[in-house]
Protein backbone atom coordinates (compact mmCIF):
# COMPACT_ATOMS: atom_id res chain seq x y z
CA MET A 1 -64.19 -5.86 84.81
CA THR A 2 -61.17 -3.92 83.74
CA THR A 3 -58.63 -3.24 86.54
CA LYS A 4 -55.88 -0.73 86.92
CA GLN A 5 -53.22 -3.36 86.31
CA SER A 6 -54.71 -4.49 82.96
CA VAL A 7 -55.31 -1.05 81.46
CA PRO A 8 -53.03 -0.79 78.39
CA ALA A 9 -50.26 1.81 78.42
CA ILE A 10 -50.99 5.24 77.01
CA PRO A 11 -48.88 6.39 74.00
CA LEU A 12 -46.22 8.98 74.83
CA LEU A 13 -45.87 12.17 72.83
CA SER A 14 -42.48 10.87 71.69
CA GLN A 15 -44.26 7.92 70.13
CA LYS A 16 -47.39 9.48 68.70
CA HIS A 17 -48.43 12.96 67.59
CA ASN A 18 -51.32 13.05 70.04
CA GLY A 19 -49.64 11.22 72.90
CA ILE A 20 -49.01 12.33 76.46
CA PRO A 21 -45.78 14.04 77.62
CA ALA A 22 -43.63 11.85 79.77
CA ASN A 23 -44.04 14.11 82.87
CA LEU A 24 -47.83 13.59 82.71
CA TYR A 25 -47.77 9.91 82.02
CA ALA A 26 -48.50 8.69 85.56
CA LYS A 27 -51.35 11.21 85.96
CA ALA A 28 -52.88 10.17 82.63
CA GLN A 29 -52.57 6.46 83.37
CA HIS A 30 -54.31 7.03 86.71
CA ALA A 31 -57.11 8.96 85.03
CA LYS A 32 -57.61 6.23 82.46
CA SER A 33 -57.65 3.50 85.12
CA ALA A 34 -60.29 5.30 87.09
CA ILE A 35 -62.50 5.64 83.98
CA PHE A 36 -62.09 2.00 82.94
CA GLU A 37 -62.64 0.66 86.48
CA ILE A 38 -66.31 1.67 86.43
CA ALA A 39 -66.95 1.28 82.69
CA THR A 40 -69.79 -1.04 81.76
CA LYS A 41 -70.37 -0.22 78.10
CA ALA A 42 -69.58 -3.08 75.77
CA LYS A 43 -67.53 -2.39 72.63
CA SER A 44 -69.53 -1.95 69.48
CA ASN A 45 -69.94 -5.07 67.35
CA ARG A 46 -70.94 -3.24 64.18
CA THR A 47 -69.19 -4.34 60.92
CA GLU A 48 -71.14 -2.48 58.20
CA ILE A 49 -69.96 0.75 56.64
CA ALA A 50 -72.17 3.84 56.98
CA LEU A 51 -72.48 4.91 53.34
CA PRO A 52 -73.32 8.50 52.50
CA GLN A 53 -76.87 8.89 51.24
CA ASP A 54 -77.33 8.71 47.46
CA ILE A 55 -73.99 6.87 47.03
CA GLY A 56 -74.28 3.20 46.06
CA GLU A 57 -72.06 0.67 47.75
CA SER A 58 -70.10 -0.30 44.60
CA ALA A 59 -69.76 3.30 43.51
CA PHE A 60 -68.49 4.24 46.98
CA HIS A 61 -65.83 1.50 46.97
CA LYS A 62 -64.64 2.46 43.48
CA ALA A 63 -64.28 6.03 44.62
CA ILE A 64 -62.34 4.95 47.71
CA GLU A 65 -59.96 2.89 45.53
CA GLU A 66 -59.27 6.03 43.46
CA LEU A 67 -58.53 8.00 46.65
CA ARG A 68 -56.16 5.28 47.77
CA GLY A 69 -54.32 5.74 44.51
CA HIS A 70 -53.83 9.42 45.33
CA LEU A 71 -52.77 8.96 49.02
CA GLY A 72 -51.54 5.40 49.36
CA LYS A 73 -53.58 2.48 50.53
CA GLU A 74 -52.37 2.73 54.13
CA HIS A 75 -53.71 6.30 54.39
CA VAL A 76 -57.31 5.52 53.66
CA GLU A 77 -59.27 3.41 56.18
CA LEU A 78 -62.84 2.18 56.06
CA VAL A 79 -64.80 2.46 59.31
CA THR A 80 -66.09 -1.00 60.26
CA LYS A 81 -65.85 -0.71 64.12
CA LEU A 82 -66.38 1.88 66.75
CA ASP A 83 -64.38 2.18 69.94
CA ASP A 84 -65.19 5.08 72.22
CA GLY A 85 -61.71 5.05 73.78
CA TRP A 86 -61.12 8.00 76.07
CA TYR A 87 -59.50 11.43 75.91
CA MET A 88 -55.88 10.47 75.27
CA GLU A 89 -56.92 7.65 72.87
CA ASN A 90 -59.85 9.27 71.20
CA PRO A 91 -61.68 7.83 68.17
CA ASN A 92 -61.64 9.64 64.85
CA THR A 93 -64.67 7.63 63.65
CA HIS A 94 -67.47 9.09 65.74
CA ASP A 95 -68.19 11.02 68.91
CA GLY A 96 -66.52 9.13 71.77
CA MET A 97 -68.96 10.83 74.25
CA HIS A 98 -72.05 10.49 72.11
CA VAL A 99 -75.25 12.02 73.44
CA VAL A 100 -77.17 10.53 70.51
CA GLU A 101 -77.16 6.93 69.27
CA GLU A 102 -73.58 5.79 68.78
CA ASP A 103 -74.15 5.02 65.14
CA SER A 104 -75.99 8.26 64.22
CA LEU A 105 -73.00 10.52 63.58
CA VAL A 106 -70.34 8.22 62.18
CA ALA A 107 -67.80 8.30 59.36
CA SER A 108 -67.65 5.92 56.44
CA ALA A 109 -63.89 6.25 56.05
CA ILE A 110 -60.90 8.12 57.47
CA VAL A 111 -58.17 9.67 55.28
CA TYR A 112 -54.80 10.97 56.36
CA PRO A 113 -53.21 13.65 54.17
CA SER A 114 -49.60 14.64 54.73
CA SER A 115 -49.68 18.13 53.08
CA THR A 116 -51.79 20.91 51.82
CA GLU A 117 -51.42 19.43 48.32
CA GLU A 118 -52.88 16.12 49.46
CA VAL A 119 -55.77 17.95 51.15
CA GLN A 120 -56.43 19.56 47.77
CA LYS A 121 -56.50 16.18 46.10
CA ILE A 122 -59.09 14.90 48.61
CA VAL A 123 -61.28 17.95 48.16
CA GLN A 124 -61.13 17.60 44.34
CA TRP A 125 -61.94 13.86 44.71
CA ALA A 126 -64.94 14.68 46.94
CA ASN A 127 -66.25 17.17 44.35
CA LYS A 128 -65.88 14.64 41.59
CA TYR A 129 -68.14 12.07 43.38
CA ARG A 130 -70.22 14.45 45.53
CA ILE A 131 -69.08 12.64 48.67
CA PRO A 132 -69.32 14.68 51.87
CA ILE A 133 -66.06 15.24 53.78
CA SER A 134 -65.53 16.36 57.35
CA PRO A 135 -62.12 17.69 58.49
CA ILE A 136 -60.78 17.29 62.00
CA SER A 137 -57.46 18.34 63.56
CA ILE A 138 -57.03 15.98 66.52
CA GLY A 139 -60.68 15.08 67.12
CA ARG A 140 -60.75 15.92 70.84
CA ASN A 141 -63.42 18.56 70.76
CA TYR A 142 -65.24 16.58 73.52
CA GLY A 143 -68.54 17.91 74.66
CA TYR A 144 -69.13 19.44 71.24
CA GLY A 145 -69.17 16.36 69.02
CA ALA A 146 -65.45 15.47 69.02
CA ALA A 147 -64.42 13.82 65.69
CA ALA A 148 -67.95 12.99 64.48
CA PRO A 149 -69.13 14.23 61.10
CA ARG A 150 -72.52 15.97 61.14
CA VAL A 151 -73.61 13.92 58.06
CA ARG A 152 -73.58 10.20 58.65
CA GLY A 153 -71.27 8.46 56.20
CA ALA A 154 -69.05 11.46 55.48
CA VAL A 155 -65.33 10.85 54.93
CA VAL A 156 -63.41 12.26 57.86
CA ILE A 157 -60.14 13.97 56.92
CA ASP A 158 -57.85 13.41 59.93
CA LEU A 159 -55.27 16.21 59.56
CA GLY A 160 -53.48 15.42 62.83
CA ARG A 161 -51.68 12.14 62.10
CA ARG A 162 -49.45 13.31 59.30
CA MET A 163 -49.78 17.12 59.37
CA ASN A 164 -48.38 17.88 62.83
CA ARG A 165 -45.34 20.00 62.20
CA ILE A 166 -44.37 23.11 64.15
CA LEU A 167 -43.38 25.15 61.14
CA ASP A 168 -41.82 28.08 62.98
CA ILE A 169 -41.26 29.51 66.45
CA ASN A 170 -39.90 33.02 66.40
CA PRO A 171 -38.35 33.86 69.80
CA ASP A 172 -37.87 37.55 68.92
CA ASP A 173 -41.36 38.31 67.65
CA CYS A 174 -42.97 35.79 70.05
CA THR A 175 -44.96 33.97 67.39
CA CYS A 176 -45.38 30.50 65.95
CA LEU A 177 -46.80 28.80 62.86
CA VAL A 178 -48.35 25.34 63.20
CA GLU A 179 -50.16 22.59 61.30
CA PRO A 180 -53.51 21.15 62.59
CA GLY A 181 -51.91 18.15 64.34
CA VAL A 182 -49.86 20.22 66.79
CA THR A 183 -51.21 19.87 70.32
CA TYR A 184 -50.72 22.18 73.24
CA PHE A 185 -48.63 19.38 74.73
CA ALA A 186 -46.41 19.35 71.61
CA LEU A 187 -46.00 23.11 71.30
CA TYR A 188 -45.10 23.47 74.99
CA GLU A 189 -42.59 20.66 74.82
CA GLU A 190 -40.94 22.11 71.72
CA ILE A 191 -40.61 25.53 73.32
CA GLN A 192 -38.99 23.95 76.39
CA ALA A 193 -36.65 21.87 74.21
CA ARG A 194 -35.51 25.00 72.43
CA ASN A 195 -34.95 26.68 75.82
CA TYR A 196 -37.16 29.63 75.00
CA LYS A 197 -37.84 30.39 78.65
CA HIS A 198 -39.25 33.80 77.81
CA LEU A 199 -42.15 32.32 75.75
CA TRP A 200 -45.44 31.12 77.17
CA ILE A 201 -48.33 29.44 75.37
CA ASP A 202 -51.97 29.78 76.38
CA VAL A 203 -53.63 26.47 77.13
CA PRO A 204 -57.27 25.32 77.70
CA ASP A 205 -58.26 23.08 80.65
CA ILE A 206 -56.73 19.98 79.01
CA GLY A 207 -53.65 20.17 76.79
CA GLY A 208 -54.24 17.38 74.28
CA GLY A 209 -56.22 19.39 71.77
CA SER A 210 -55.09 20.98 68.54
CA VAL A 211 -53.81 24.54 68.85
CA LEU A 212 -55.25 25.32 65.40
CA GLY A 213 -58.51 23.42 65.93
CA ASN A 214 -59.23 25.00 69.33
CA ALA A 215 -58.80 28.49 67.90
CA CYS A 216 -61.02 27.74 64.91
CA ASP A 217 -63.77 26.65 67.32
CA ARG A 218 -63.16 29.81 69.37
CA GLY A 219 -61.92 28.01 72.46
CA VAL A 220 -60.33 29.82 75.37
CA GLY A 221 -57.43 29.55 77.84
CA TYR A 222 -56.46 31.16 81.10
CA THR A 223 -53.59 33.60 80.58
CA PRO A 224 -54.06 37.20 79.27
CA TYR A 225 -53.78 35.55 75.80
CA GLY A 226 -56.85 33.42 76.56
CA ASP A 227 -58.89 34.37 73.49
CA HIS A 228 -57.30 32.01 71.06
CA TRP A 229 -59.08 33.24 67.93
CA MET A 230 -58.17 36.84 68.79
CA ILE A 231 -54.49 35.98 69.11
CA HIS A 232 -54.19 34.21 65.77
CA SER A 233 -52.52 35.78 62.76
CA GLY A 234 -52.25 34.19 59.32
CA MET A 235 -54.14 31.23 57.88
CA GLU A 236 -53.69 28.89 54.97
CA ILE A 237 -57.01 27.54 53.73
CA VAL A 238 -58.06 24.88 51.21
CA LEU A 239 -61.43 26.04 49.85
CA PRO A 240 -64.21 23.59 48.98
CA THR A 241 -63.23 23.84 45.31
CA GLY A 242 -59.69 22.74 46.04
CA GLU A 243 -58.14 26.20 45.65
CA VAL A 244 -55.71 27.44 48.31
CA ILE A 245 -55.58 30.90 49.82
CA ARG A 246 -53.50 32.58 52.51
CA THR A 247 -55.13 35.32 54.56
CA GLY A 248 -53.75 38.57 55.83
CA MET A 249 -50.10 39.32 54.95
CA GLY A 250 -49.77 35.78 53.67
CA ALA A 251 -51.33 36.88 50.37
CA LEU A 252 -48.17 38.92 49.65
CA PRO A 253 -45.49 36.65 48.14
CA GLY A 254 -42.32 36.58 50.21
CA ASN A 255 -43.91 38.60 53.02
CA ASN A 256 -42.22 38.59 56.45
CA SER A 257 -45.15 39.68 58.64
CA TRP A 258 -47.68 36.87 58.32
CA GLN A 259 -47.76 36.13 62.08
CA LEU A 260 -47.41 39.77 63.04
CA PHE A 261 -50.29 41.61 61.38
CA PRO A 262 -53.54 39.64 60.80
CA TYR A 263 -55.35 42.03 58.46
CA GLY A 264 -53.23 42.56 55.37
CA PHE A 265 -55.11 44.67 52.75
CA GLY A 266 -58.77 44.72 51.74
CA PRO A 267 -61.58 42.55 53.21
CA THR A 268 -60.42 40.22 55.99
CA PRO A 269 -61.89 36.74 55.40
CA ASP A 270 -60.46 34.91 58.45
CA GLY A 271 -63.68 34.97 60.37
CA LEU A 272 -65.38 32.93 57.61
CA PHE A 273 -63.24 29.98 58.62
CA SER A 274 -64.10 30.00 62.28
CA GLN A 275 -66.74 27.43 63.34
CA SER A 276 -67.37 27.07 59.66
CA ASN A 277 -67.65 24.67 56.73
CA LEU A 278 -66.17 27.03 54.20
CA GLY A 279 -62.67 25.66 54.09
CA ILE A 280 -59.95 23.54 55.72
CA ALA A 281 -57.24 25.38 57.67
CA THR A 282 -53.84 23.68 56.99
CA LYS A 283 -51.59 26.32 58.62
CA MET A 284 -52.27 28.95 61.31
CA GLY A 285 -50.10 31.48 63.13
CA PHE A 286 -50.33 32.65 66.74
CA GLY A 287 -48.84 35.18 69.06
CA LEU A 288 -47.06 33.73 72.07
CA MET A 289 -47.09 35.49 75.45
CA PRO A 290 -43.79 36.85 76.72
CA ASN A 291 -42.91 35.73 80.23
CA PRO A 292 -44.42 38.43 82.48
CA GLY A 293 -41.57 38.30 85.02
CA GLY A 294 -43.44 36.43 87.72
CA TYR A 295 -46.89 35.21 88.66
CA GLU A 296 -48.96 34.25 91.67
CA SER A 297 -52.09 32.14 91.79
CA TYR A 298 -54.85 32.75 94.29
CA LEU A 299 -58.14 31.17 95.31
CA TYR A 300 -61.15 32.82 97.06
CA VAL A 301 -64.23 30.92 98.22
CA PHE A 302 -67.69 32.35 98.88
CA PRO A 303 -70.29 30.61 101.11
CA LYS A 304 -73.71 30.94 99.48
CA ASP A 305 -75.29 30.36 96.07
CA GLU A 306 -76.91 33.73 96.51
CA ASP A 307 -73.50 35.45 96.55
CA LEU A 308 -73.34 35.03 92.77
CA SER A 309 -74.95 38.31 91.81
CA GLN A 310 -72.79 40.49 94.07
CA LEU A 311 -69.70 38.58 93.10
CA ILE A 312 -70.28 39.11 89.37
CA GLU A 313 -70.84 42.82 90.02
CA ILE A 314 -67.46 42.96 91.79
CA ILE A 315 -65.71 41.02 89.07
CA ARG A 316 -66.88 43.18 86.11
CA PRO A 317 -65.03 46.45 86.76
CA LEU A 318 -61.93 44.62 87.94
CA ARG A 319 -61.84 42.50 84.77
CA ILE A 320 -62.39 45.44 82.40
CA ALA A 321 -59.58 47.37 84.23
CA MET A 322 -57.30 44.29 83.92
CA ILE A 323 -56.84 44.08 87.66
CA LEU A 324 -58.21 40.58 87.13
CA GLU A 325 -55.81 39.84 84.30
CA ASN A 326 -56.71 36.42 82.98
CA VAL A 327 -60.00 34.73 81.98
CA ALA A 328 -61.77 34.74 85.30
CA GLN A 329 -63.00 31.24 86.34
CA LEU A 330 -65.78 31.09 88.90
CA ARG A 331 -66.63 27.49 89.64
CA HIS A 332 -69.55 26.04 91.56
CA ILE A 333 -68.78 23.70 94.49
CA SER A 334 -70.46 20.83 92.68
CA MET A 335 -67.71 20.91 90.05
CA GLN A 336 -65.08 21.04 92.79
CA VAL A 337 -66.49 17.90 94.36
CA ALA A 338 -66.62 16.10 91.04
CA VAL A 339 -63.07 17.00 90.07
CA GLU A 340 -61.90 14.82 92.88
CA GLY A 341 -62.50 12.03 90.39
CA LYS A 342 -64.79 9.88 92.54
CA PRO A 343 -68.00 8.50 90.94
CA ARG A 344 -71.34 9.92 91.97
CA SER A 345 -72.12 6.63 93.77
CA ALA A 346 -69.44 7.51 96.35
CA TYR A 347 -71.78 10.25 97.55
CA TYR A 348 -75.30 9.33 96.61
CA ASN A 349 -77.21 6.44 95.04
CA GLY A 350 -80.65 7.99 94.91
CA LYS A 351 -82.60 9.22 91.90
CA GLY A 352 -82.63 12.77 90.62
CA ARG A 353 -80.02 15.43 91.26
CA VAL A 354 -77.63 14.89 94.11
CA PRO A 355 -79.19 16.92 96.94
CA ASP A 356 -77.32 20.15 97.77
CA HIS A 357 -76.74 19.17 101.39
CA ILE A 358 -74.79 16.07 100.25
CA ILE A 359 -72.58 18.16 97.94
CA HIS A 360 -71.88 20.55 100.81
CA GLU A 361 -71.17 17.72 103.18
CA ALA A 362 -68.62 16.34 100.72
CA ALA A 363 -67.12 19.85 100.31
CA LYS A 364 -66.29 19.96 104.00
CA LYS A 365 -63.57 17.35 103.33
CA LEU A 366 -61.92 19.40 100.54
CA SER A 367 -58.99 21.70 101.07
CA SER A 368 -61.22 24.65 100.18
CA GLY A 369 -63.82 23.63 102.76
CA ASP A 370 -67.56 24.03 102.37
CA CYS A 371 -68.63 26.93 100.17
CA SER A 372 -70.68 27.56 97.04
CA TRP A 373 -68.40 29.40 94.62
CA LEU A 374 -64.64 29.27 94.07
CA TYR A 375 -62.71 31.94 92.16
CA TYR A 376 -59.39 30.84 90.61
CA GLY A 377 -57.14 33.72 89.49
CA MET A 378 -53.62 34.67 88.67
CA ALA A 379 -51.60 37.87 89.10
CA TYR A 380 -48.75 38.55 86.71
CA GLY A 381 -45.59 40.67 86.76
CA PRO A 382 -42.87 41.58 89.29
CA PRO A 383 -43.73 41.26 93.05
CA GLU A 384 -44.58 44.97 93.55
CA ILE A 385 -47.01 44.94 90.64
CA ARG A 386 -48.65 41.72 91.81
CA LYS A 387 -49.01 43.10 95.33
CA TYR A 388 -50.77 46.22 94.08
CA LYS A 389 -53.34 44.22 92.21
CA LEU A 390 -53.80 41.52 94.79
CA ASP A 391 -54.50 44.10 97.52
CA ILE A 392 -57.29 45.61 95.44
CA ILE A 393 -58.74 42.14 94.66
CA HIS A 394 -58.66 41.13 98.29
CA LYS A 395 -60.36 44.27 99.42
CA GLU A 396 -63.18 43.82 96.86
CA PHE A 397 -63.77 40.10 97.30
CA MET A 398 -63.87 40.40 101.08
CA LYS A 399 -66.94 42.63 100.75
CA ILE A 400 -68.94 39.46 100.45
CA PRO A 401 -69.79 38.17 103.99
CA GLY A 402 -68.01 34.92 104.76
CA ALA A 403 -65.55 35.21 101.88
CA ARG A 404 -62.21 33.48 102.51
CA ARG A 405 -58.84 33.50 100.76
CA ILE A 406 -57.23 30.07 100.67
CA ASP A 407 -53.53 30.17 101.57
CA PRO A 408 -51.69 28.12 98.87
CA ASN A 409 -49.04 27.23 101.46
CA THR A 410 -51.66 25.08 103.21
CA LEU A 411 -52.35 22.99 100.13
CA SER A 412 -50.72 19.66 99.25
CA VAL A 413 -48.69 19.38 96.06
CA ASP A 414 -51.42 17.26 94.44
CA ASP A 415 -54.28 19.68 95.29
CA TYR A 416 -56.34 20.70 92.27
CA PHE A 417 -55.30 24.31 92.95
CA TRP A 418 -51.89 23.61 91.46
CA SER A 419 -53.47 22.32 88.24
CA ARG A 420 -55.14 25.73 87.85
CA ASP A 421 -51.83 27.35 88.67
CA ARG A 422 -50.05 25.43 85.89
CA ILE A 423 -52.75 26.18 83.31
CA ALA A 424 -52.83 29.89 84.11
CA SER A 425 -49.05 30.04 83.66
CA GLY A 426 -49.18 28.35 80.26
CA VAL A 427 -48.26 24.77 81.30
CA PRO A 428 -50.59 22.06 79.86
CA ASP A 429 -52.23 19.62 82.23
CA ILE A 430 -54.77 16.76 82.18
CA GLU A 431 -56.47 16.83 85.58
CA GLU A 432 -59.73 18.39 84.35
CA LEU A 433 -60.67 14.98 83.01
CA ARG A 434 -61.51 13.70 86.46
CA TRP A 435 -65.05 15.04 86.77
CA VAL A 436 -66.13 13.02 83.71
CA ASN A 437 -65.84 9.98 86.02
CA TRP A 438 -69.02 11.11 87.80
CA HIS A 439 -70.95 8.45 85.91
CA PRO A 440 -69.88 5.07 84.47
CA ASN A 441 -69.14 5.46 80.74
CA GLY A 442 -68.94 9.13 81.40
CA GLY A 443 -69.71 11.58 78.61
CA HIS A 444 -70.32 15.28 78.91
CA VAL A 445 -72.05 17.99 76.96
CA ALA A 446 -72.24 21.72 77.64
CA PHE A 447 -74.80 24.52 77.73
CA SER A 448 -72.69 27.53 76.83
CA PRO A 449 -74.50 30.88 76.66
CA VAL A 450 -72.85 34.30 76.46
CA SER A 451 -74.09 37.24 78.54
CA PRO A 452 -73.11 40.64 79.93
CA VAL A 453 -71.01 40.46 83.09
CA ARG A 454 -73.87 41.46 85.38
CA GLY A 455 -75.33 39.85 88.48
CA ALA A 456 -78.85 39.80 87.09
CA ASP A 457 -77.72 38.00 83.96
CA ALA A 458 -75.65 35.44 85.84
CA THR A 459 -78.59 34.78 88.19
CA ALA A 460 -81.03 34.43 85.29
CA LEU A 461 -78.79 31.84 83.53
CA TRP A 462 -78.07 29.99 86.83
CA ASP A 463 -81.89 29.76 87.47
CA ILE A 464 -82.50 28.37 83.96
CA SER A 465 -79.81 25.75 84.44
CA ARG A 466 -81.02 24.58 87.87
CA LYS A 467 -84.64 24.57 86.74
CA TYR A 468 -84.12 22.16 83.85
CA CYS A 469 -81.47 20.00 85.42
CA GLN A 470 -83.87 19.51 88.31
CA LYS A 471 -86.68 18.70 85.91
CA PHE A 472 -84.66 16.13 83.96
CA ASP A 473 -82.94 14.52 87.01
CA LEU A 474 -79.43 15.69 86.03
CA ASP A 475 -76.51 16.98 88.09
CA LEU A 476 -74.91 20.16 86.77
CA PHE A 477 -71.42 21.57 87.02
CA PRO A 478 -71.41 25.29 86.25
CA ILE A 479 -68.39 27.49 85.51
CA PHE A 480 -68.59 31.23 84.72
CA CYS A 481 -65.67 32.29 82.47
CA VAL A 482 -65.35 36.04 82.30
CA GLY A 483 -63.69 37.76 79.34
CA LEU A 484 -63.01 41.45 79.25
CA ARG A 485 -66.59 42.54 78.72
CA GLU A 486 -68.61 39.40 78.34
CA MET A 487 -69.18 36.21 80.24
CA HIS A 488 -69.55 32.57 79.21
CA LEU A 489 -71.56 30.31 81.44
CA ILE A 490 -70.40 26.72 80.81
CA VAL A 491 -72.80 24.25 82.38
CA GLU A 492 -71.26 20.83 82.03
CA ILE A 493 -73.66 17.89 82.25
CA VAL A 494 -72.08 14.50 82.75
CA PHE A 495 -74.02 11.41 81.63
CA ASN A 496 -73.74 7.69 81.13
CA ARG A 497 -73.46 7.35 77.37
CA ASP A 498 -74.70 3.75 77.65
CA ASP A 499 -78.00 4.85 79.20
CA PRO A 500 -80.53 5.86 76.50
CA VAL A 501 -82.94 7.36 79.08
CA MET A 502 -80.19 9.61 80.46
CA ARG A 503 -79.08 10.57 76.93
CA ASN A 504 -82.63 11.54 76.05
CA ASN A 505 -82.97 13.61 79.25
CA VAL A 506 -79.71 15.38 78.55
CA ARG A 507 -80.81 16.39 75.06
CA ALA A 508 -84.20 17.52 76.29
CA CYS A 509 -82.59 19.52 79.07
CA ILE A 510 -80.11 21.28 76.79
CA ARG A 511 -82.75 22.07 74.21
CA ALA A 512 -85.03 23.62 76.90
CA MET A 513 -82.20 25.72 78.27
CA ILE A 514 -81.27 26.95 74.74
CA ASP A 515 -84.80 28.07 74.09
CA ASP A 516 -85.32 29.80 77.44
CA ALA A 517 -81.97 31.52 77.24
CA ALA A 518 -82.62 32.73 73.73
CA LYS A 519 -85.96 34.26 74.83
CA LEU A 520 -84.00 36.34 77.36
CA GLY A 521 -81.41 37.40 74.78
CA TYR A 522 -78.66 34.92 75.63
CA GLY A 523 -77.06 33.03 72.67
CA GLU A 524 -74.78 29.99 72.67
CA TYR A 525 -71.21 30.56 71.54
CA ARG A 526 -70.39 26.92 70.81
CA THR A 527 -72.33 23.68 70.89
CA HIS A 528 -72.52 19.94 70.19
CA LEU A 529 -73.41 18.75 66.69
CA ALA A 530 -76.86 17.65 67.84
CA PHE A 531 -77.84 21.21 68.79
CA MET A 532 -76.28 23.27 65.93
CA ASP A 533 -79.44 23.60 63.93
CA GLN A 534 -81.47 24.73 66.91
CA ILE A 535 -78.93 27.29 67.95
CA ALA A 536 -78.42 28.62 64.42
CA GLY A 537 -82.16 29.11 64.41
CA THR A 538 -82.04 31.45 67.40
CA TYR A 539 -79.71 33.87 65.58
CA ASN A 540 -82.69 34.88 63.43
CA TRP A 541 -82.76 38.68 63.56
CA ASN A 542 -84.30 40.42 60.50
CA ASP A 543 -85.90 37.30 59.03
CA ASN A 544 -82.77 35.18 59.31
CA ALA A 545 -80.61 37.68 57.50
CA LEU A 546 -77.34 36.25 58.79
CA MET A 547 -78.22 32.67 57.78
CA LYS A 548 -79.28 33.86 54.34
CA PHE A 549 -75.93 35.67 53.98
CA ASN A 550 -74.01 32.59 55.13
CA GLU A 551 -75.93 30.38 52.69
CA LYS A 552 -75.02 32.66 49.78
CA ILE A 553 -71.34 32.37 50.67
CA LYS A 554 -71.65 28.61 51.18
CA ASP A 555 -73.27 28.12 47.75
CA CYS A 556 -70.65 30.25 46.07
CA LEU A 557 -67.60 28.64 47.71
CA ASP A 558 -69.00 25.06 47.89
CA PRO A 559 -71.29 24.61 44.93
CA ASN A 560 -71.33 20.83 45.24
CA GLY A 561 -72.04 20.93 48.97
CA ILE A 562 -69.26 18.57 49.97
CA MET A 563 -67.54 20.43 52.83
CA ALA A 564 -68.83 19.47 56.32
CA PRO A 565 -72.52 19.93 55.44
CA GLY A 566 -74.54 21.03 58.43
CA LYS A 567 -71.64 22.30 60.45
CA SER A 568 -72.85 25.16 62.69
CA GLY A 569 -76.32 24.72 61.18
CA LEU A 570 -75.15 25.83 57.74
CA TRP A 571 -76.42 23.49 55.00
CA PRO A 572 -75.51 23.64 51.32
CA ALA A 573 -78.23 23.98 48.66
CA ARG A 574 -78.26 20.26 47.90
CA TYR A 575 -79.34 19.43 51.47
CA ARG A 576 -81.68 22.36 52.19
CA GLY A 577 -85.37 21.56 52.67
CA ARG A 578 -84.79 17.82 52.92
CA GLY A 579 -85.18 17.29 56.67
CA TRP A 580 -81.52 17.15 57.67
CA GLU A 581 -81.87 19.51 60.62
CA MET A 582 -81.74 17.97 64.12
CA LEU A 583 -84.43 19.64 66.11
CA ALA A 584 -86.58 18.79 69.14
CA LYS A 585 -89.48 17.72 66.93
CA ASP A 586 -87.22 15.40 64.87
CA GLU A 587 -83.84 14.50 66.27
CA SER A 588 -82.96 12.17 63.41
CA ALA A 589 -79.46 12.99 62.11
CA GLU A 590 -80.37 12.02 58.50
CA GLY A 591 -82.58 13.77 56.01
CA HIS A 592 -84.22 12.51 52.82
CA GLY A 593 -81.34 12.44 50.41
CA VAL A 594 -79.75 15.29 48.52
CA ALA A 595 -80.66 17.04 45.32
CA PRO A 596 -78.94 15.53 42.32
CA SER A 597 -76.33 17.61 40.48
CA PRO A 598 -76.96 17.94 36.76
CA ASP A 599 -73.31 17.39 35.97
CA SER A 600 -72.60 14.79 38.62
CA THR A 601 -70.22 11.98 37.77
CA LYS A 602 -71.86 8.55 38.03
CA LEU A 603 -69.72 5.47 38.62
C-alpha cells in the first residue's frame, strides 16, 4: 500500500502551469498522502485507443498524422492509458472521479495548442474529418465531469499547457485579461509579485482551476465579486467553423475598453459561450476587486436541523441589503466532520448512511462543537463599517434559540475557519479537498438546484436530498450558497469510484433528486456529464422551445457537429435521434453512429 513517504512530489507552480504555489506545498502533499494511503483502486491496464464512432482506425491515424504536422508531433498524444491521479495531478484523458465506467467517457487523443491560431487549425482539421473535439482549460471541473469528453473518442483540446499567459493586469482599472490555462493560484501569485496590494481576486473553494474555465461554467467564489460570469468582460472565441470573434468592445479595432464594458453595441452573444458547445474561449477579461480597506471573518453555529427554515428567512433580507456581503455559505455539520479529512471508517463501519447521532458525537470534538448548521461569513471595510454590519448580523442570528458565535481567537491556526477566511479575502487555498477522503478512491458528484431564498424552499430541497440519500445508502454533505436573490443547494455525495454498486446508487440517487426537484420547480444550474441530458430535458417549457432555439443556433454555427457534441444536453443534427442521450432508461454514453455528411472527406 502507498505510504506518505513514497508519494511522489507534487509539481510546483514555478515548474508547471497547473502546479501548486510553494506556500501551499506542504498542505497539498499532506492531502495527497492521505488520499493515497487508503487508495485501493488499481491503475488501468487498457492499451487500446477509443476511436470516435464512424471513424476507421487507419483513417483516424492518418488524420492524427496530419494534425501532428500542424502542431508538432510532441503536441499531439494518443490516449492509451488512464490514470485517475488526484486534484493537483489531474488527468486530461477522462474523468478522474468517474461516476460511470472509467472507459465510458474517454478521449482518443489530446492536443496542445499554443495560440488562437493553432486552435483554429485544430477546429478546421476536425471539420475536414468530422472528428469530434472537446476543449478543456485545466480539466479540474471535478464533480461535473472534469476533463472527460461527452462523446467517447473525441479529441480533447487541452488549452492549459501552452495557453496560460496572463495577458494584462491593469492596476488602475482593476481588470485582467487571461488565457484558459491561468489558474487562480497563478493569477494570485502574479498580482503579489507585481506588488498590487490593492487588488483582490475572487476564488472558489480550491484555487487550482482555470479562471476562464470556472467562469464559463458559471462557478462562484466568496467575495462580493463571487459571481464569476457576471464579473467577466470581453471574450475571444474560436467558432466551430474556425472563425474568430471578439465580443463586446473587443469588436472595435484598437479599442481601449474591452475589460471595462462588456456589452459593446448590438446583440450581446457572450451568454452563448457559457456552459456551451458553440465555441472555444481563448481569452477572457475580468474585473478585480479593490481592497476594501479591511475585513473580518465570522462563524455562527445553530443547534438543530429544524433551524434551517428560520435561518434562511433571516439570511434573505440581510443578503439582499448587502449586510451579508459575500456569497453566504451555510454548511451542514456532516460536511464539517468530513472536512477533517478522516475516512468514514474512523467513525462508522456499518451499512447505509452514517447515523446522525454518530455525526453529532464526532462534532463534539470539533472547535465549533456539536451543532447542525454553520454559517461562514465575512464583513468588509473599515472597522466602523464592519462593526455596524456585524452588530445587525449578530442580533438577527441570535434570534435562533441556541445560536452561538464562535470566537476566532479561540481557534488554532490550522482550524478550517482560517481556510474560509483566506478564501473570502481572495487568497486561494486547497483544504476543501479533505472531505473527498471520506471513502477510499474518493470521487464526488453534486446535486445542485437553484431556488428562492425561502425557508420552505430550503426545507423542501433538504427533504428531497435526505430522502434519496437514505434510500440509496449514501452520506450527504449539503451546503447552501446564497447569492443576492437566489440560492444554490450543493449536495456533495462522496463515493468509492472503484465500487460499481456505489456508483450505480449515486447515479440513481442523483437522477431521482433531479426529477423530484424539477416537479417542484427547482432546476439544476450545473451538473456532471452523465446527467446533462436529463437536466436539459427538465427545461422544457412551451414544448421545449429553449432547446429548439439552441439547436437552431448549434446547427448554424456548427454544421458538421464537431464541437463538444452533447455538452449541456445540446446535440448537433448529425447525432440527434440516434440514442446518444444518457438517461435513466439507458445510461449508455454511446449512441448508434452519426448521420453521414454528403460532402464528408473520406480517407
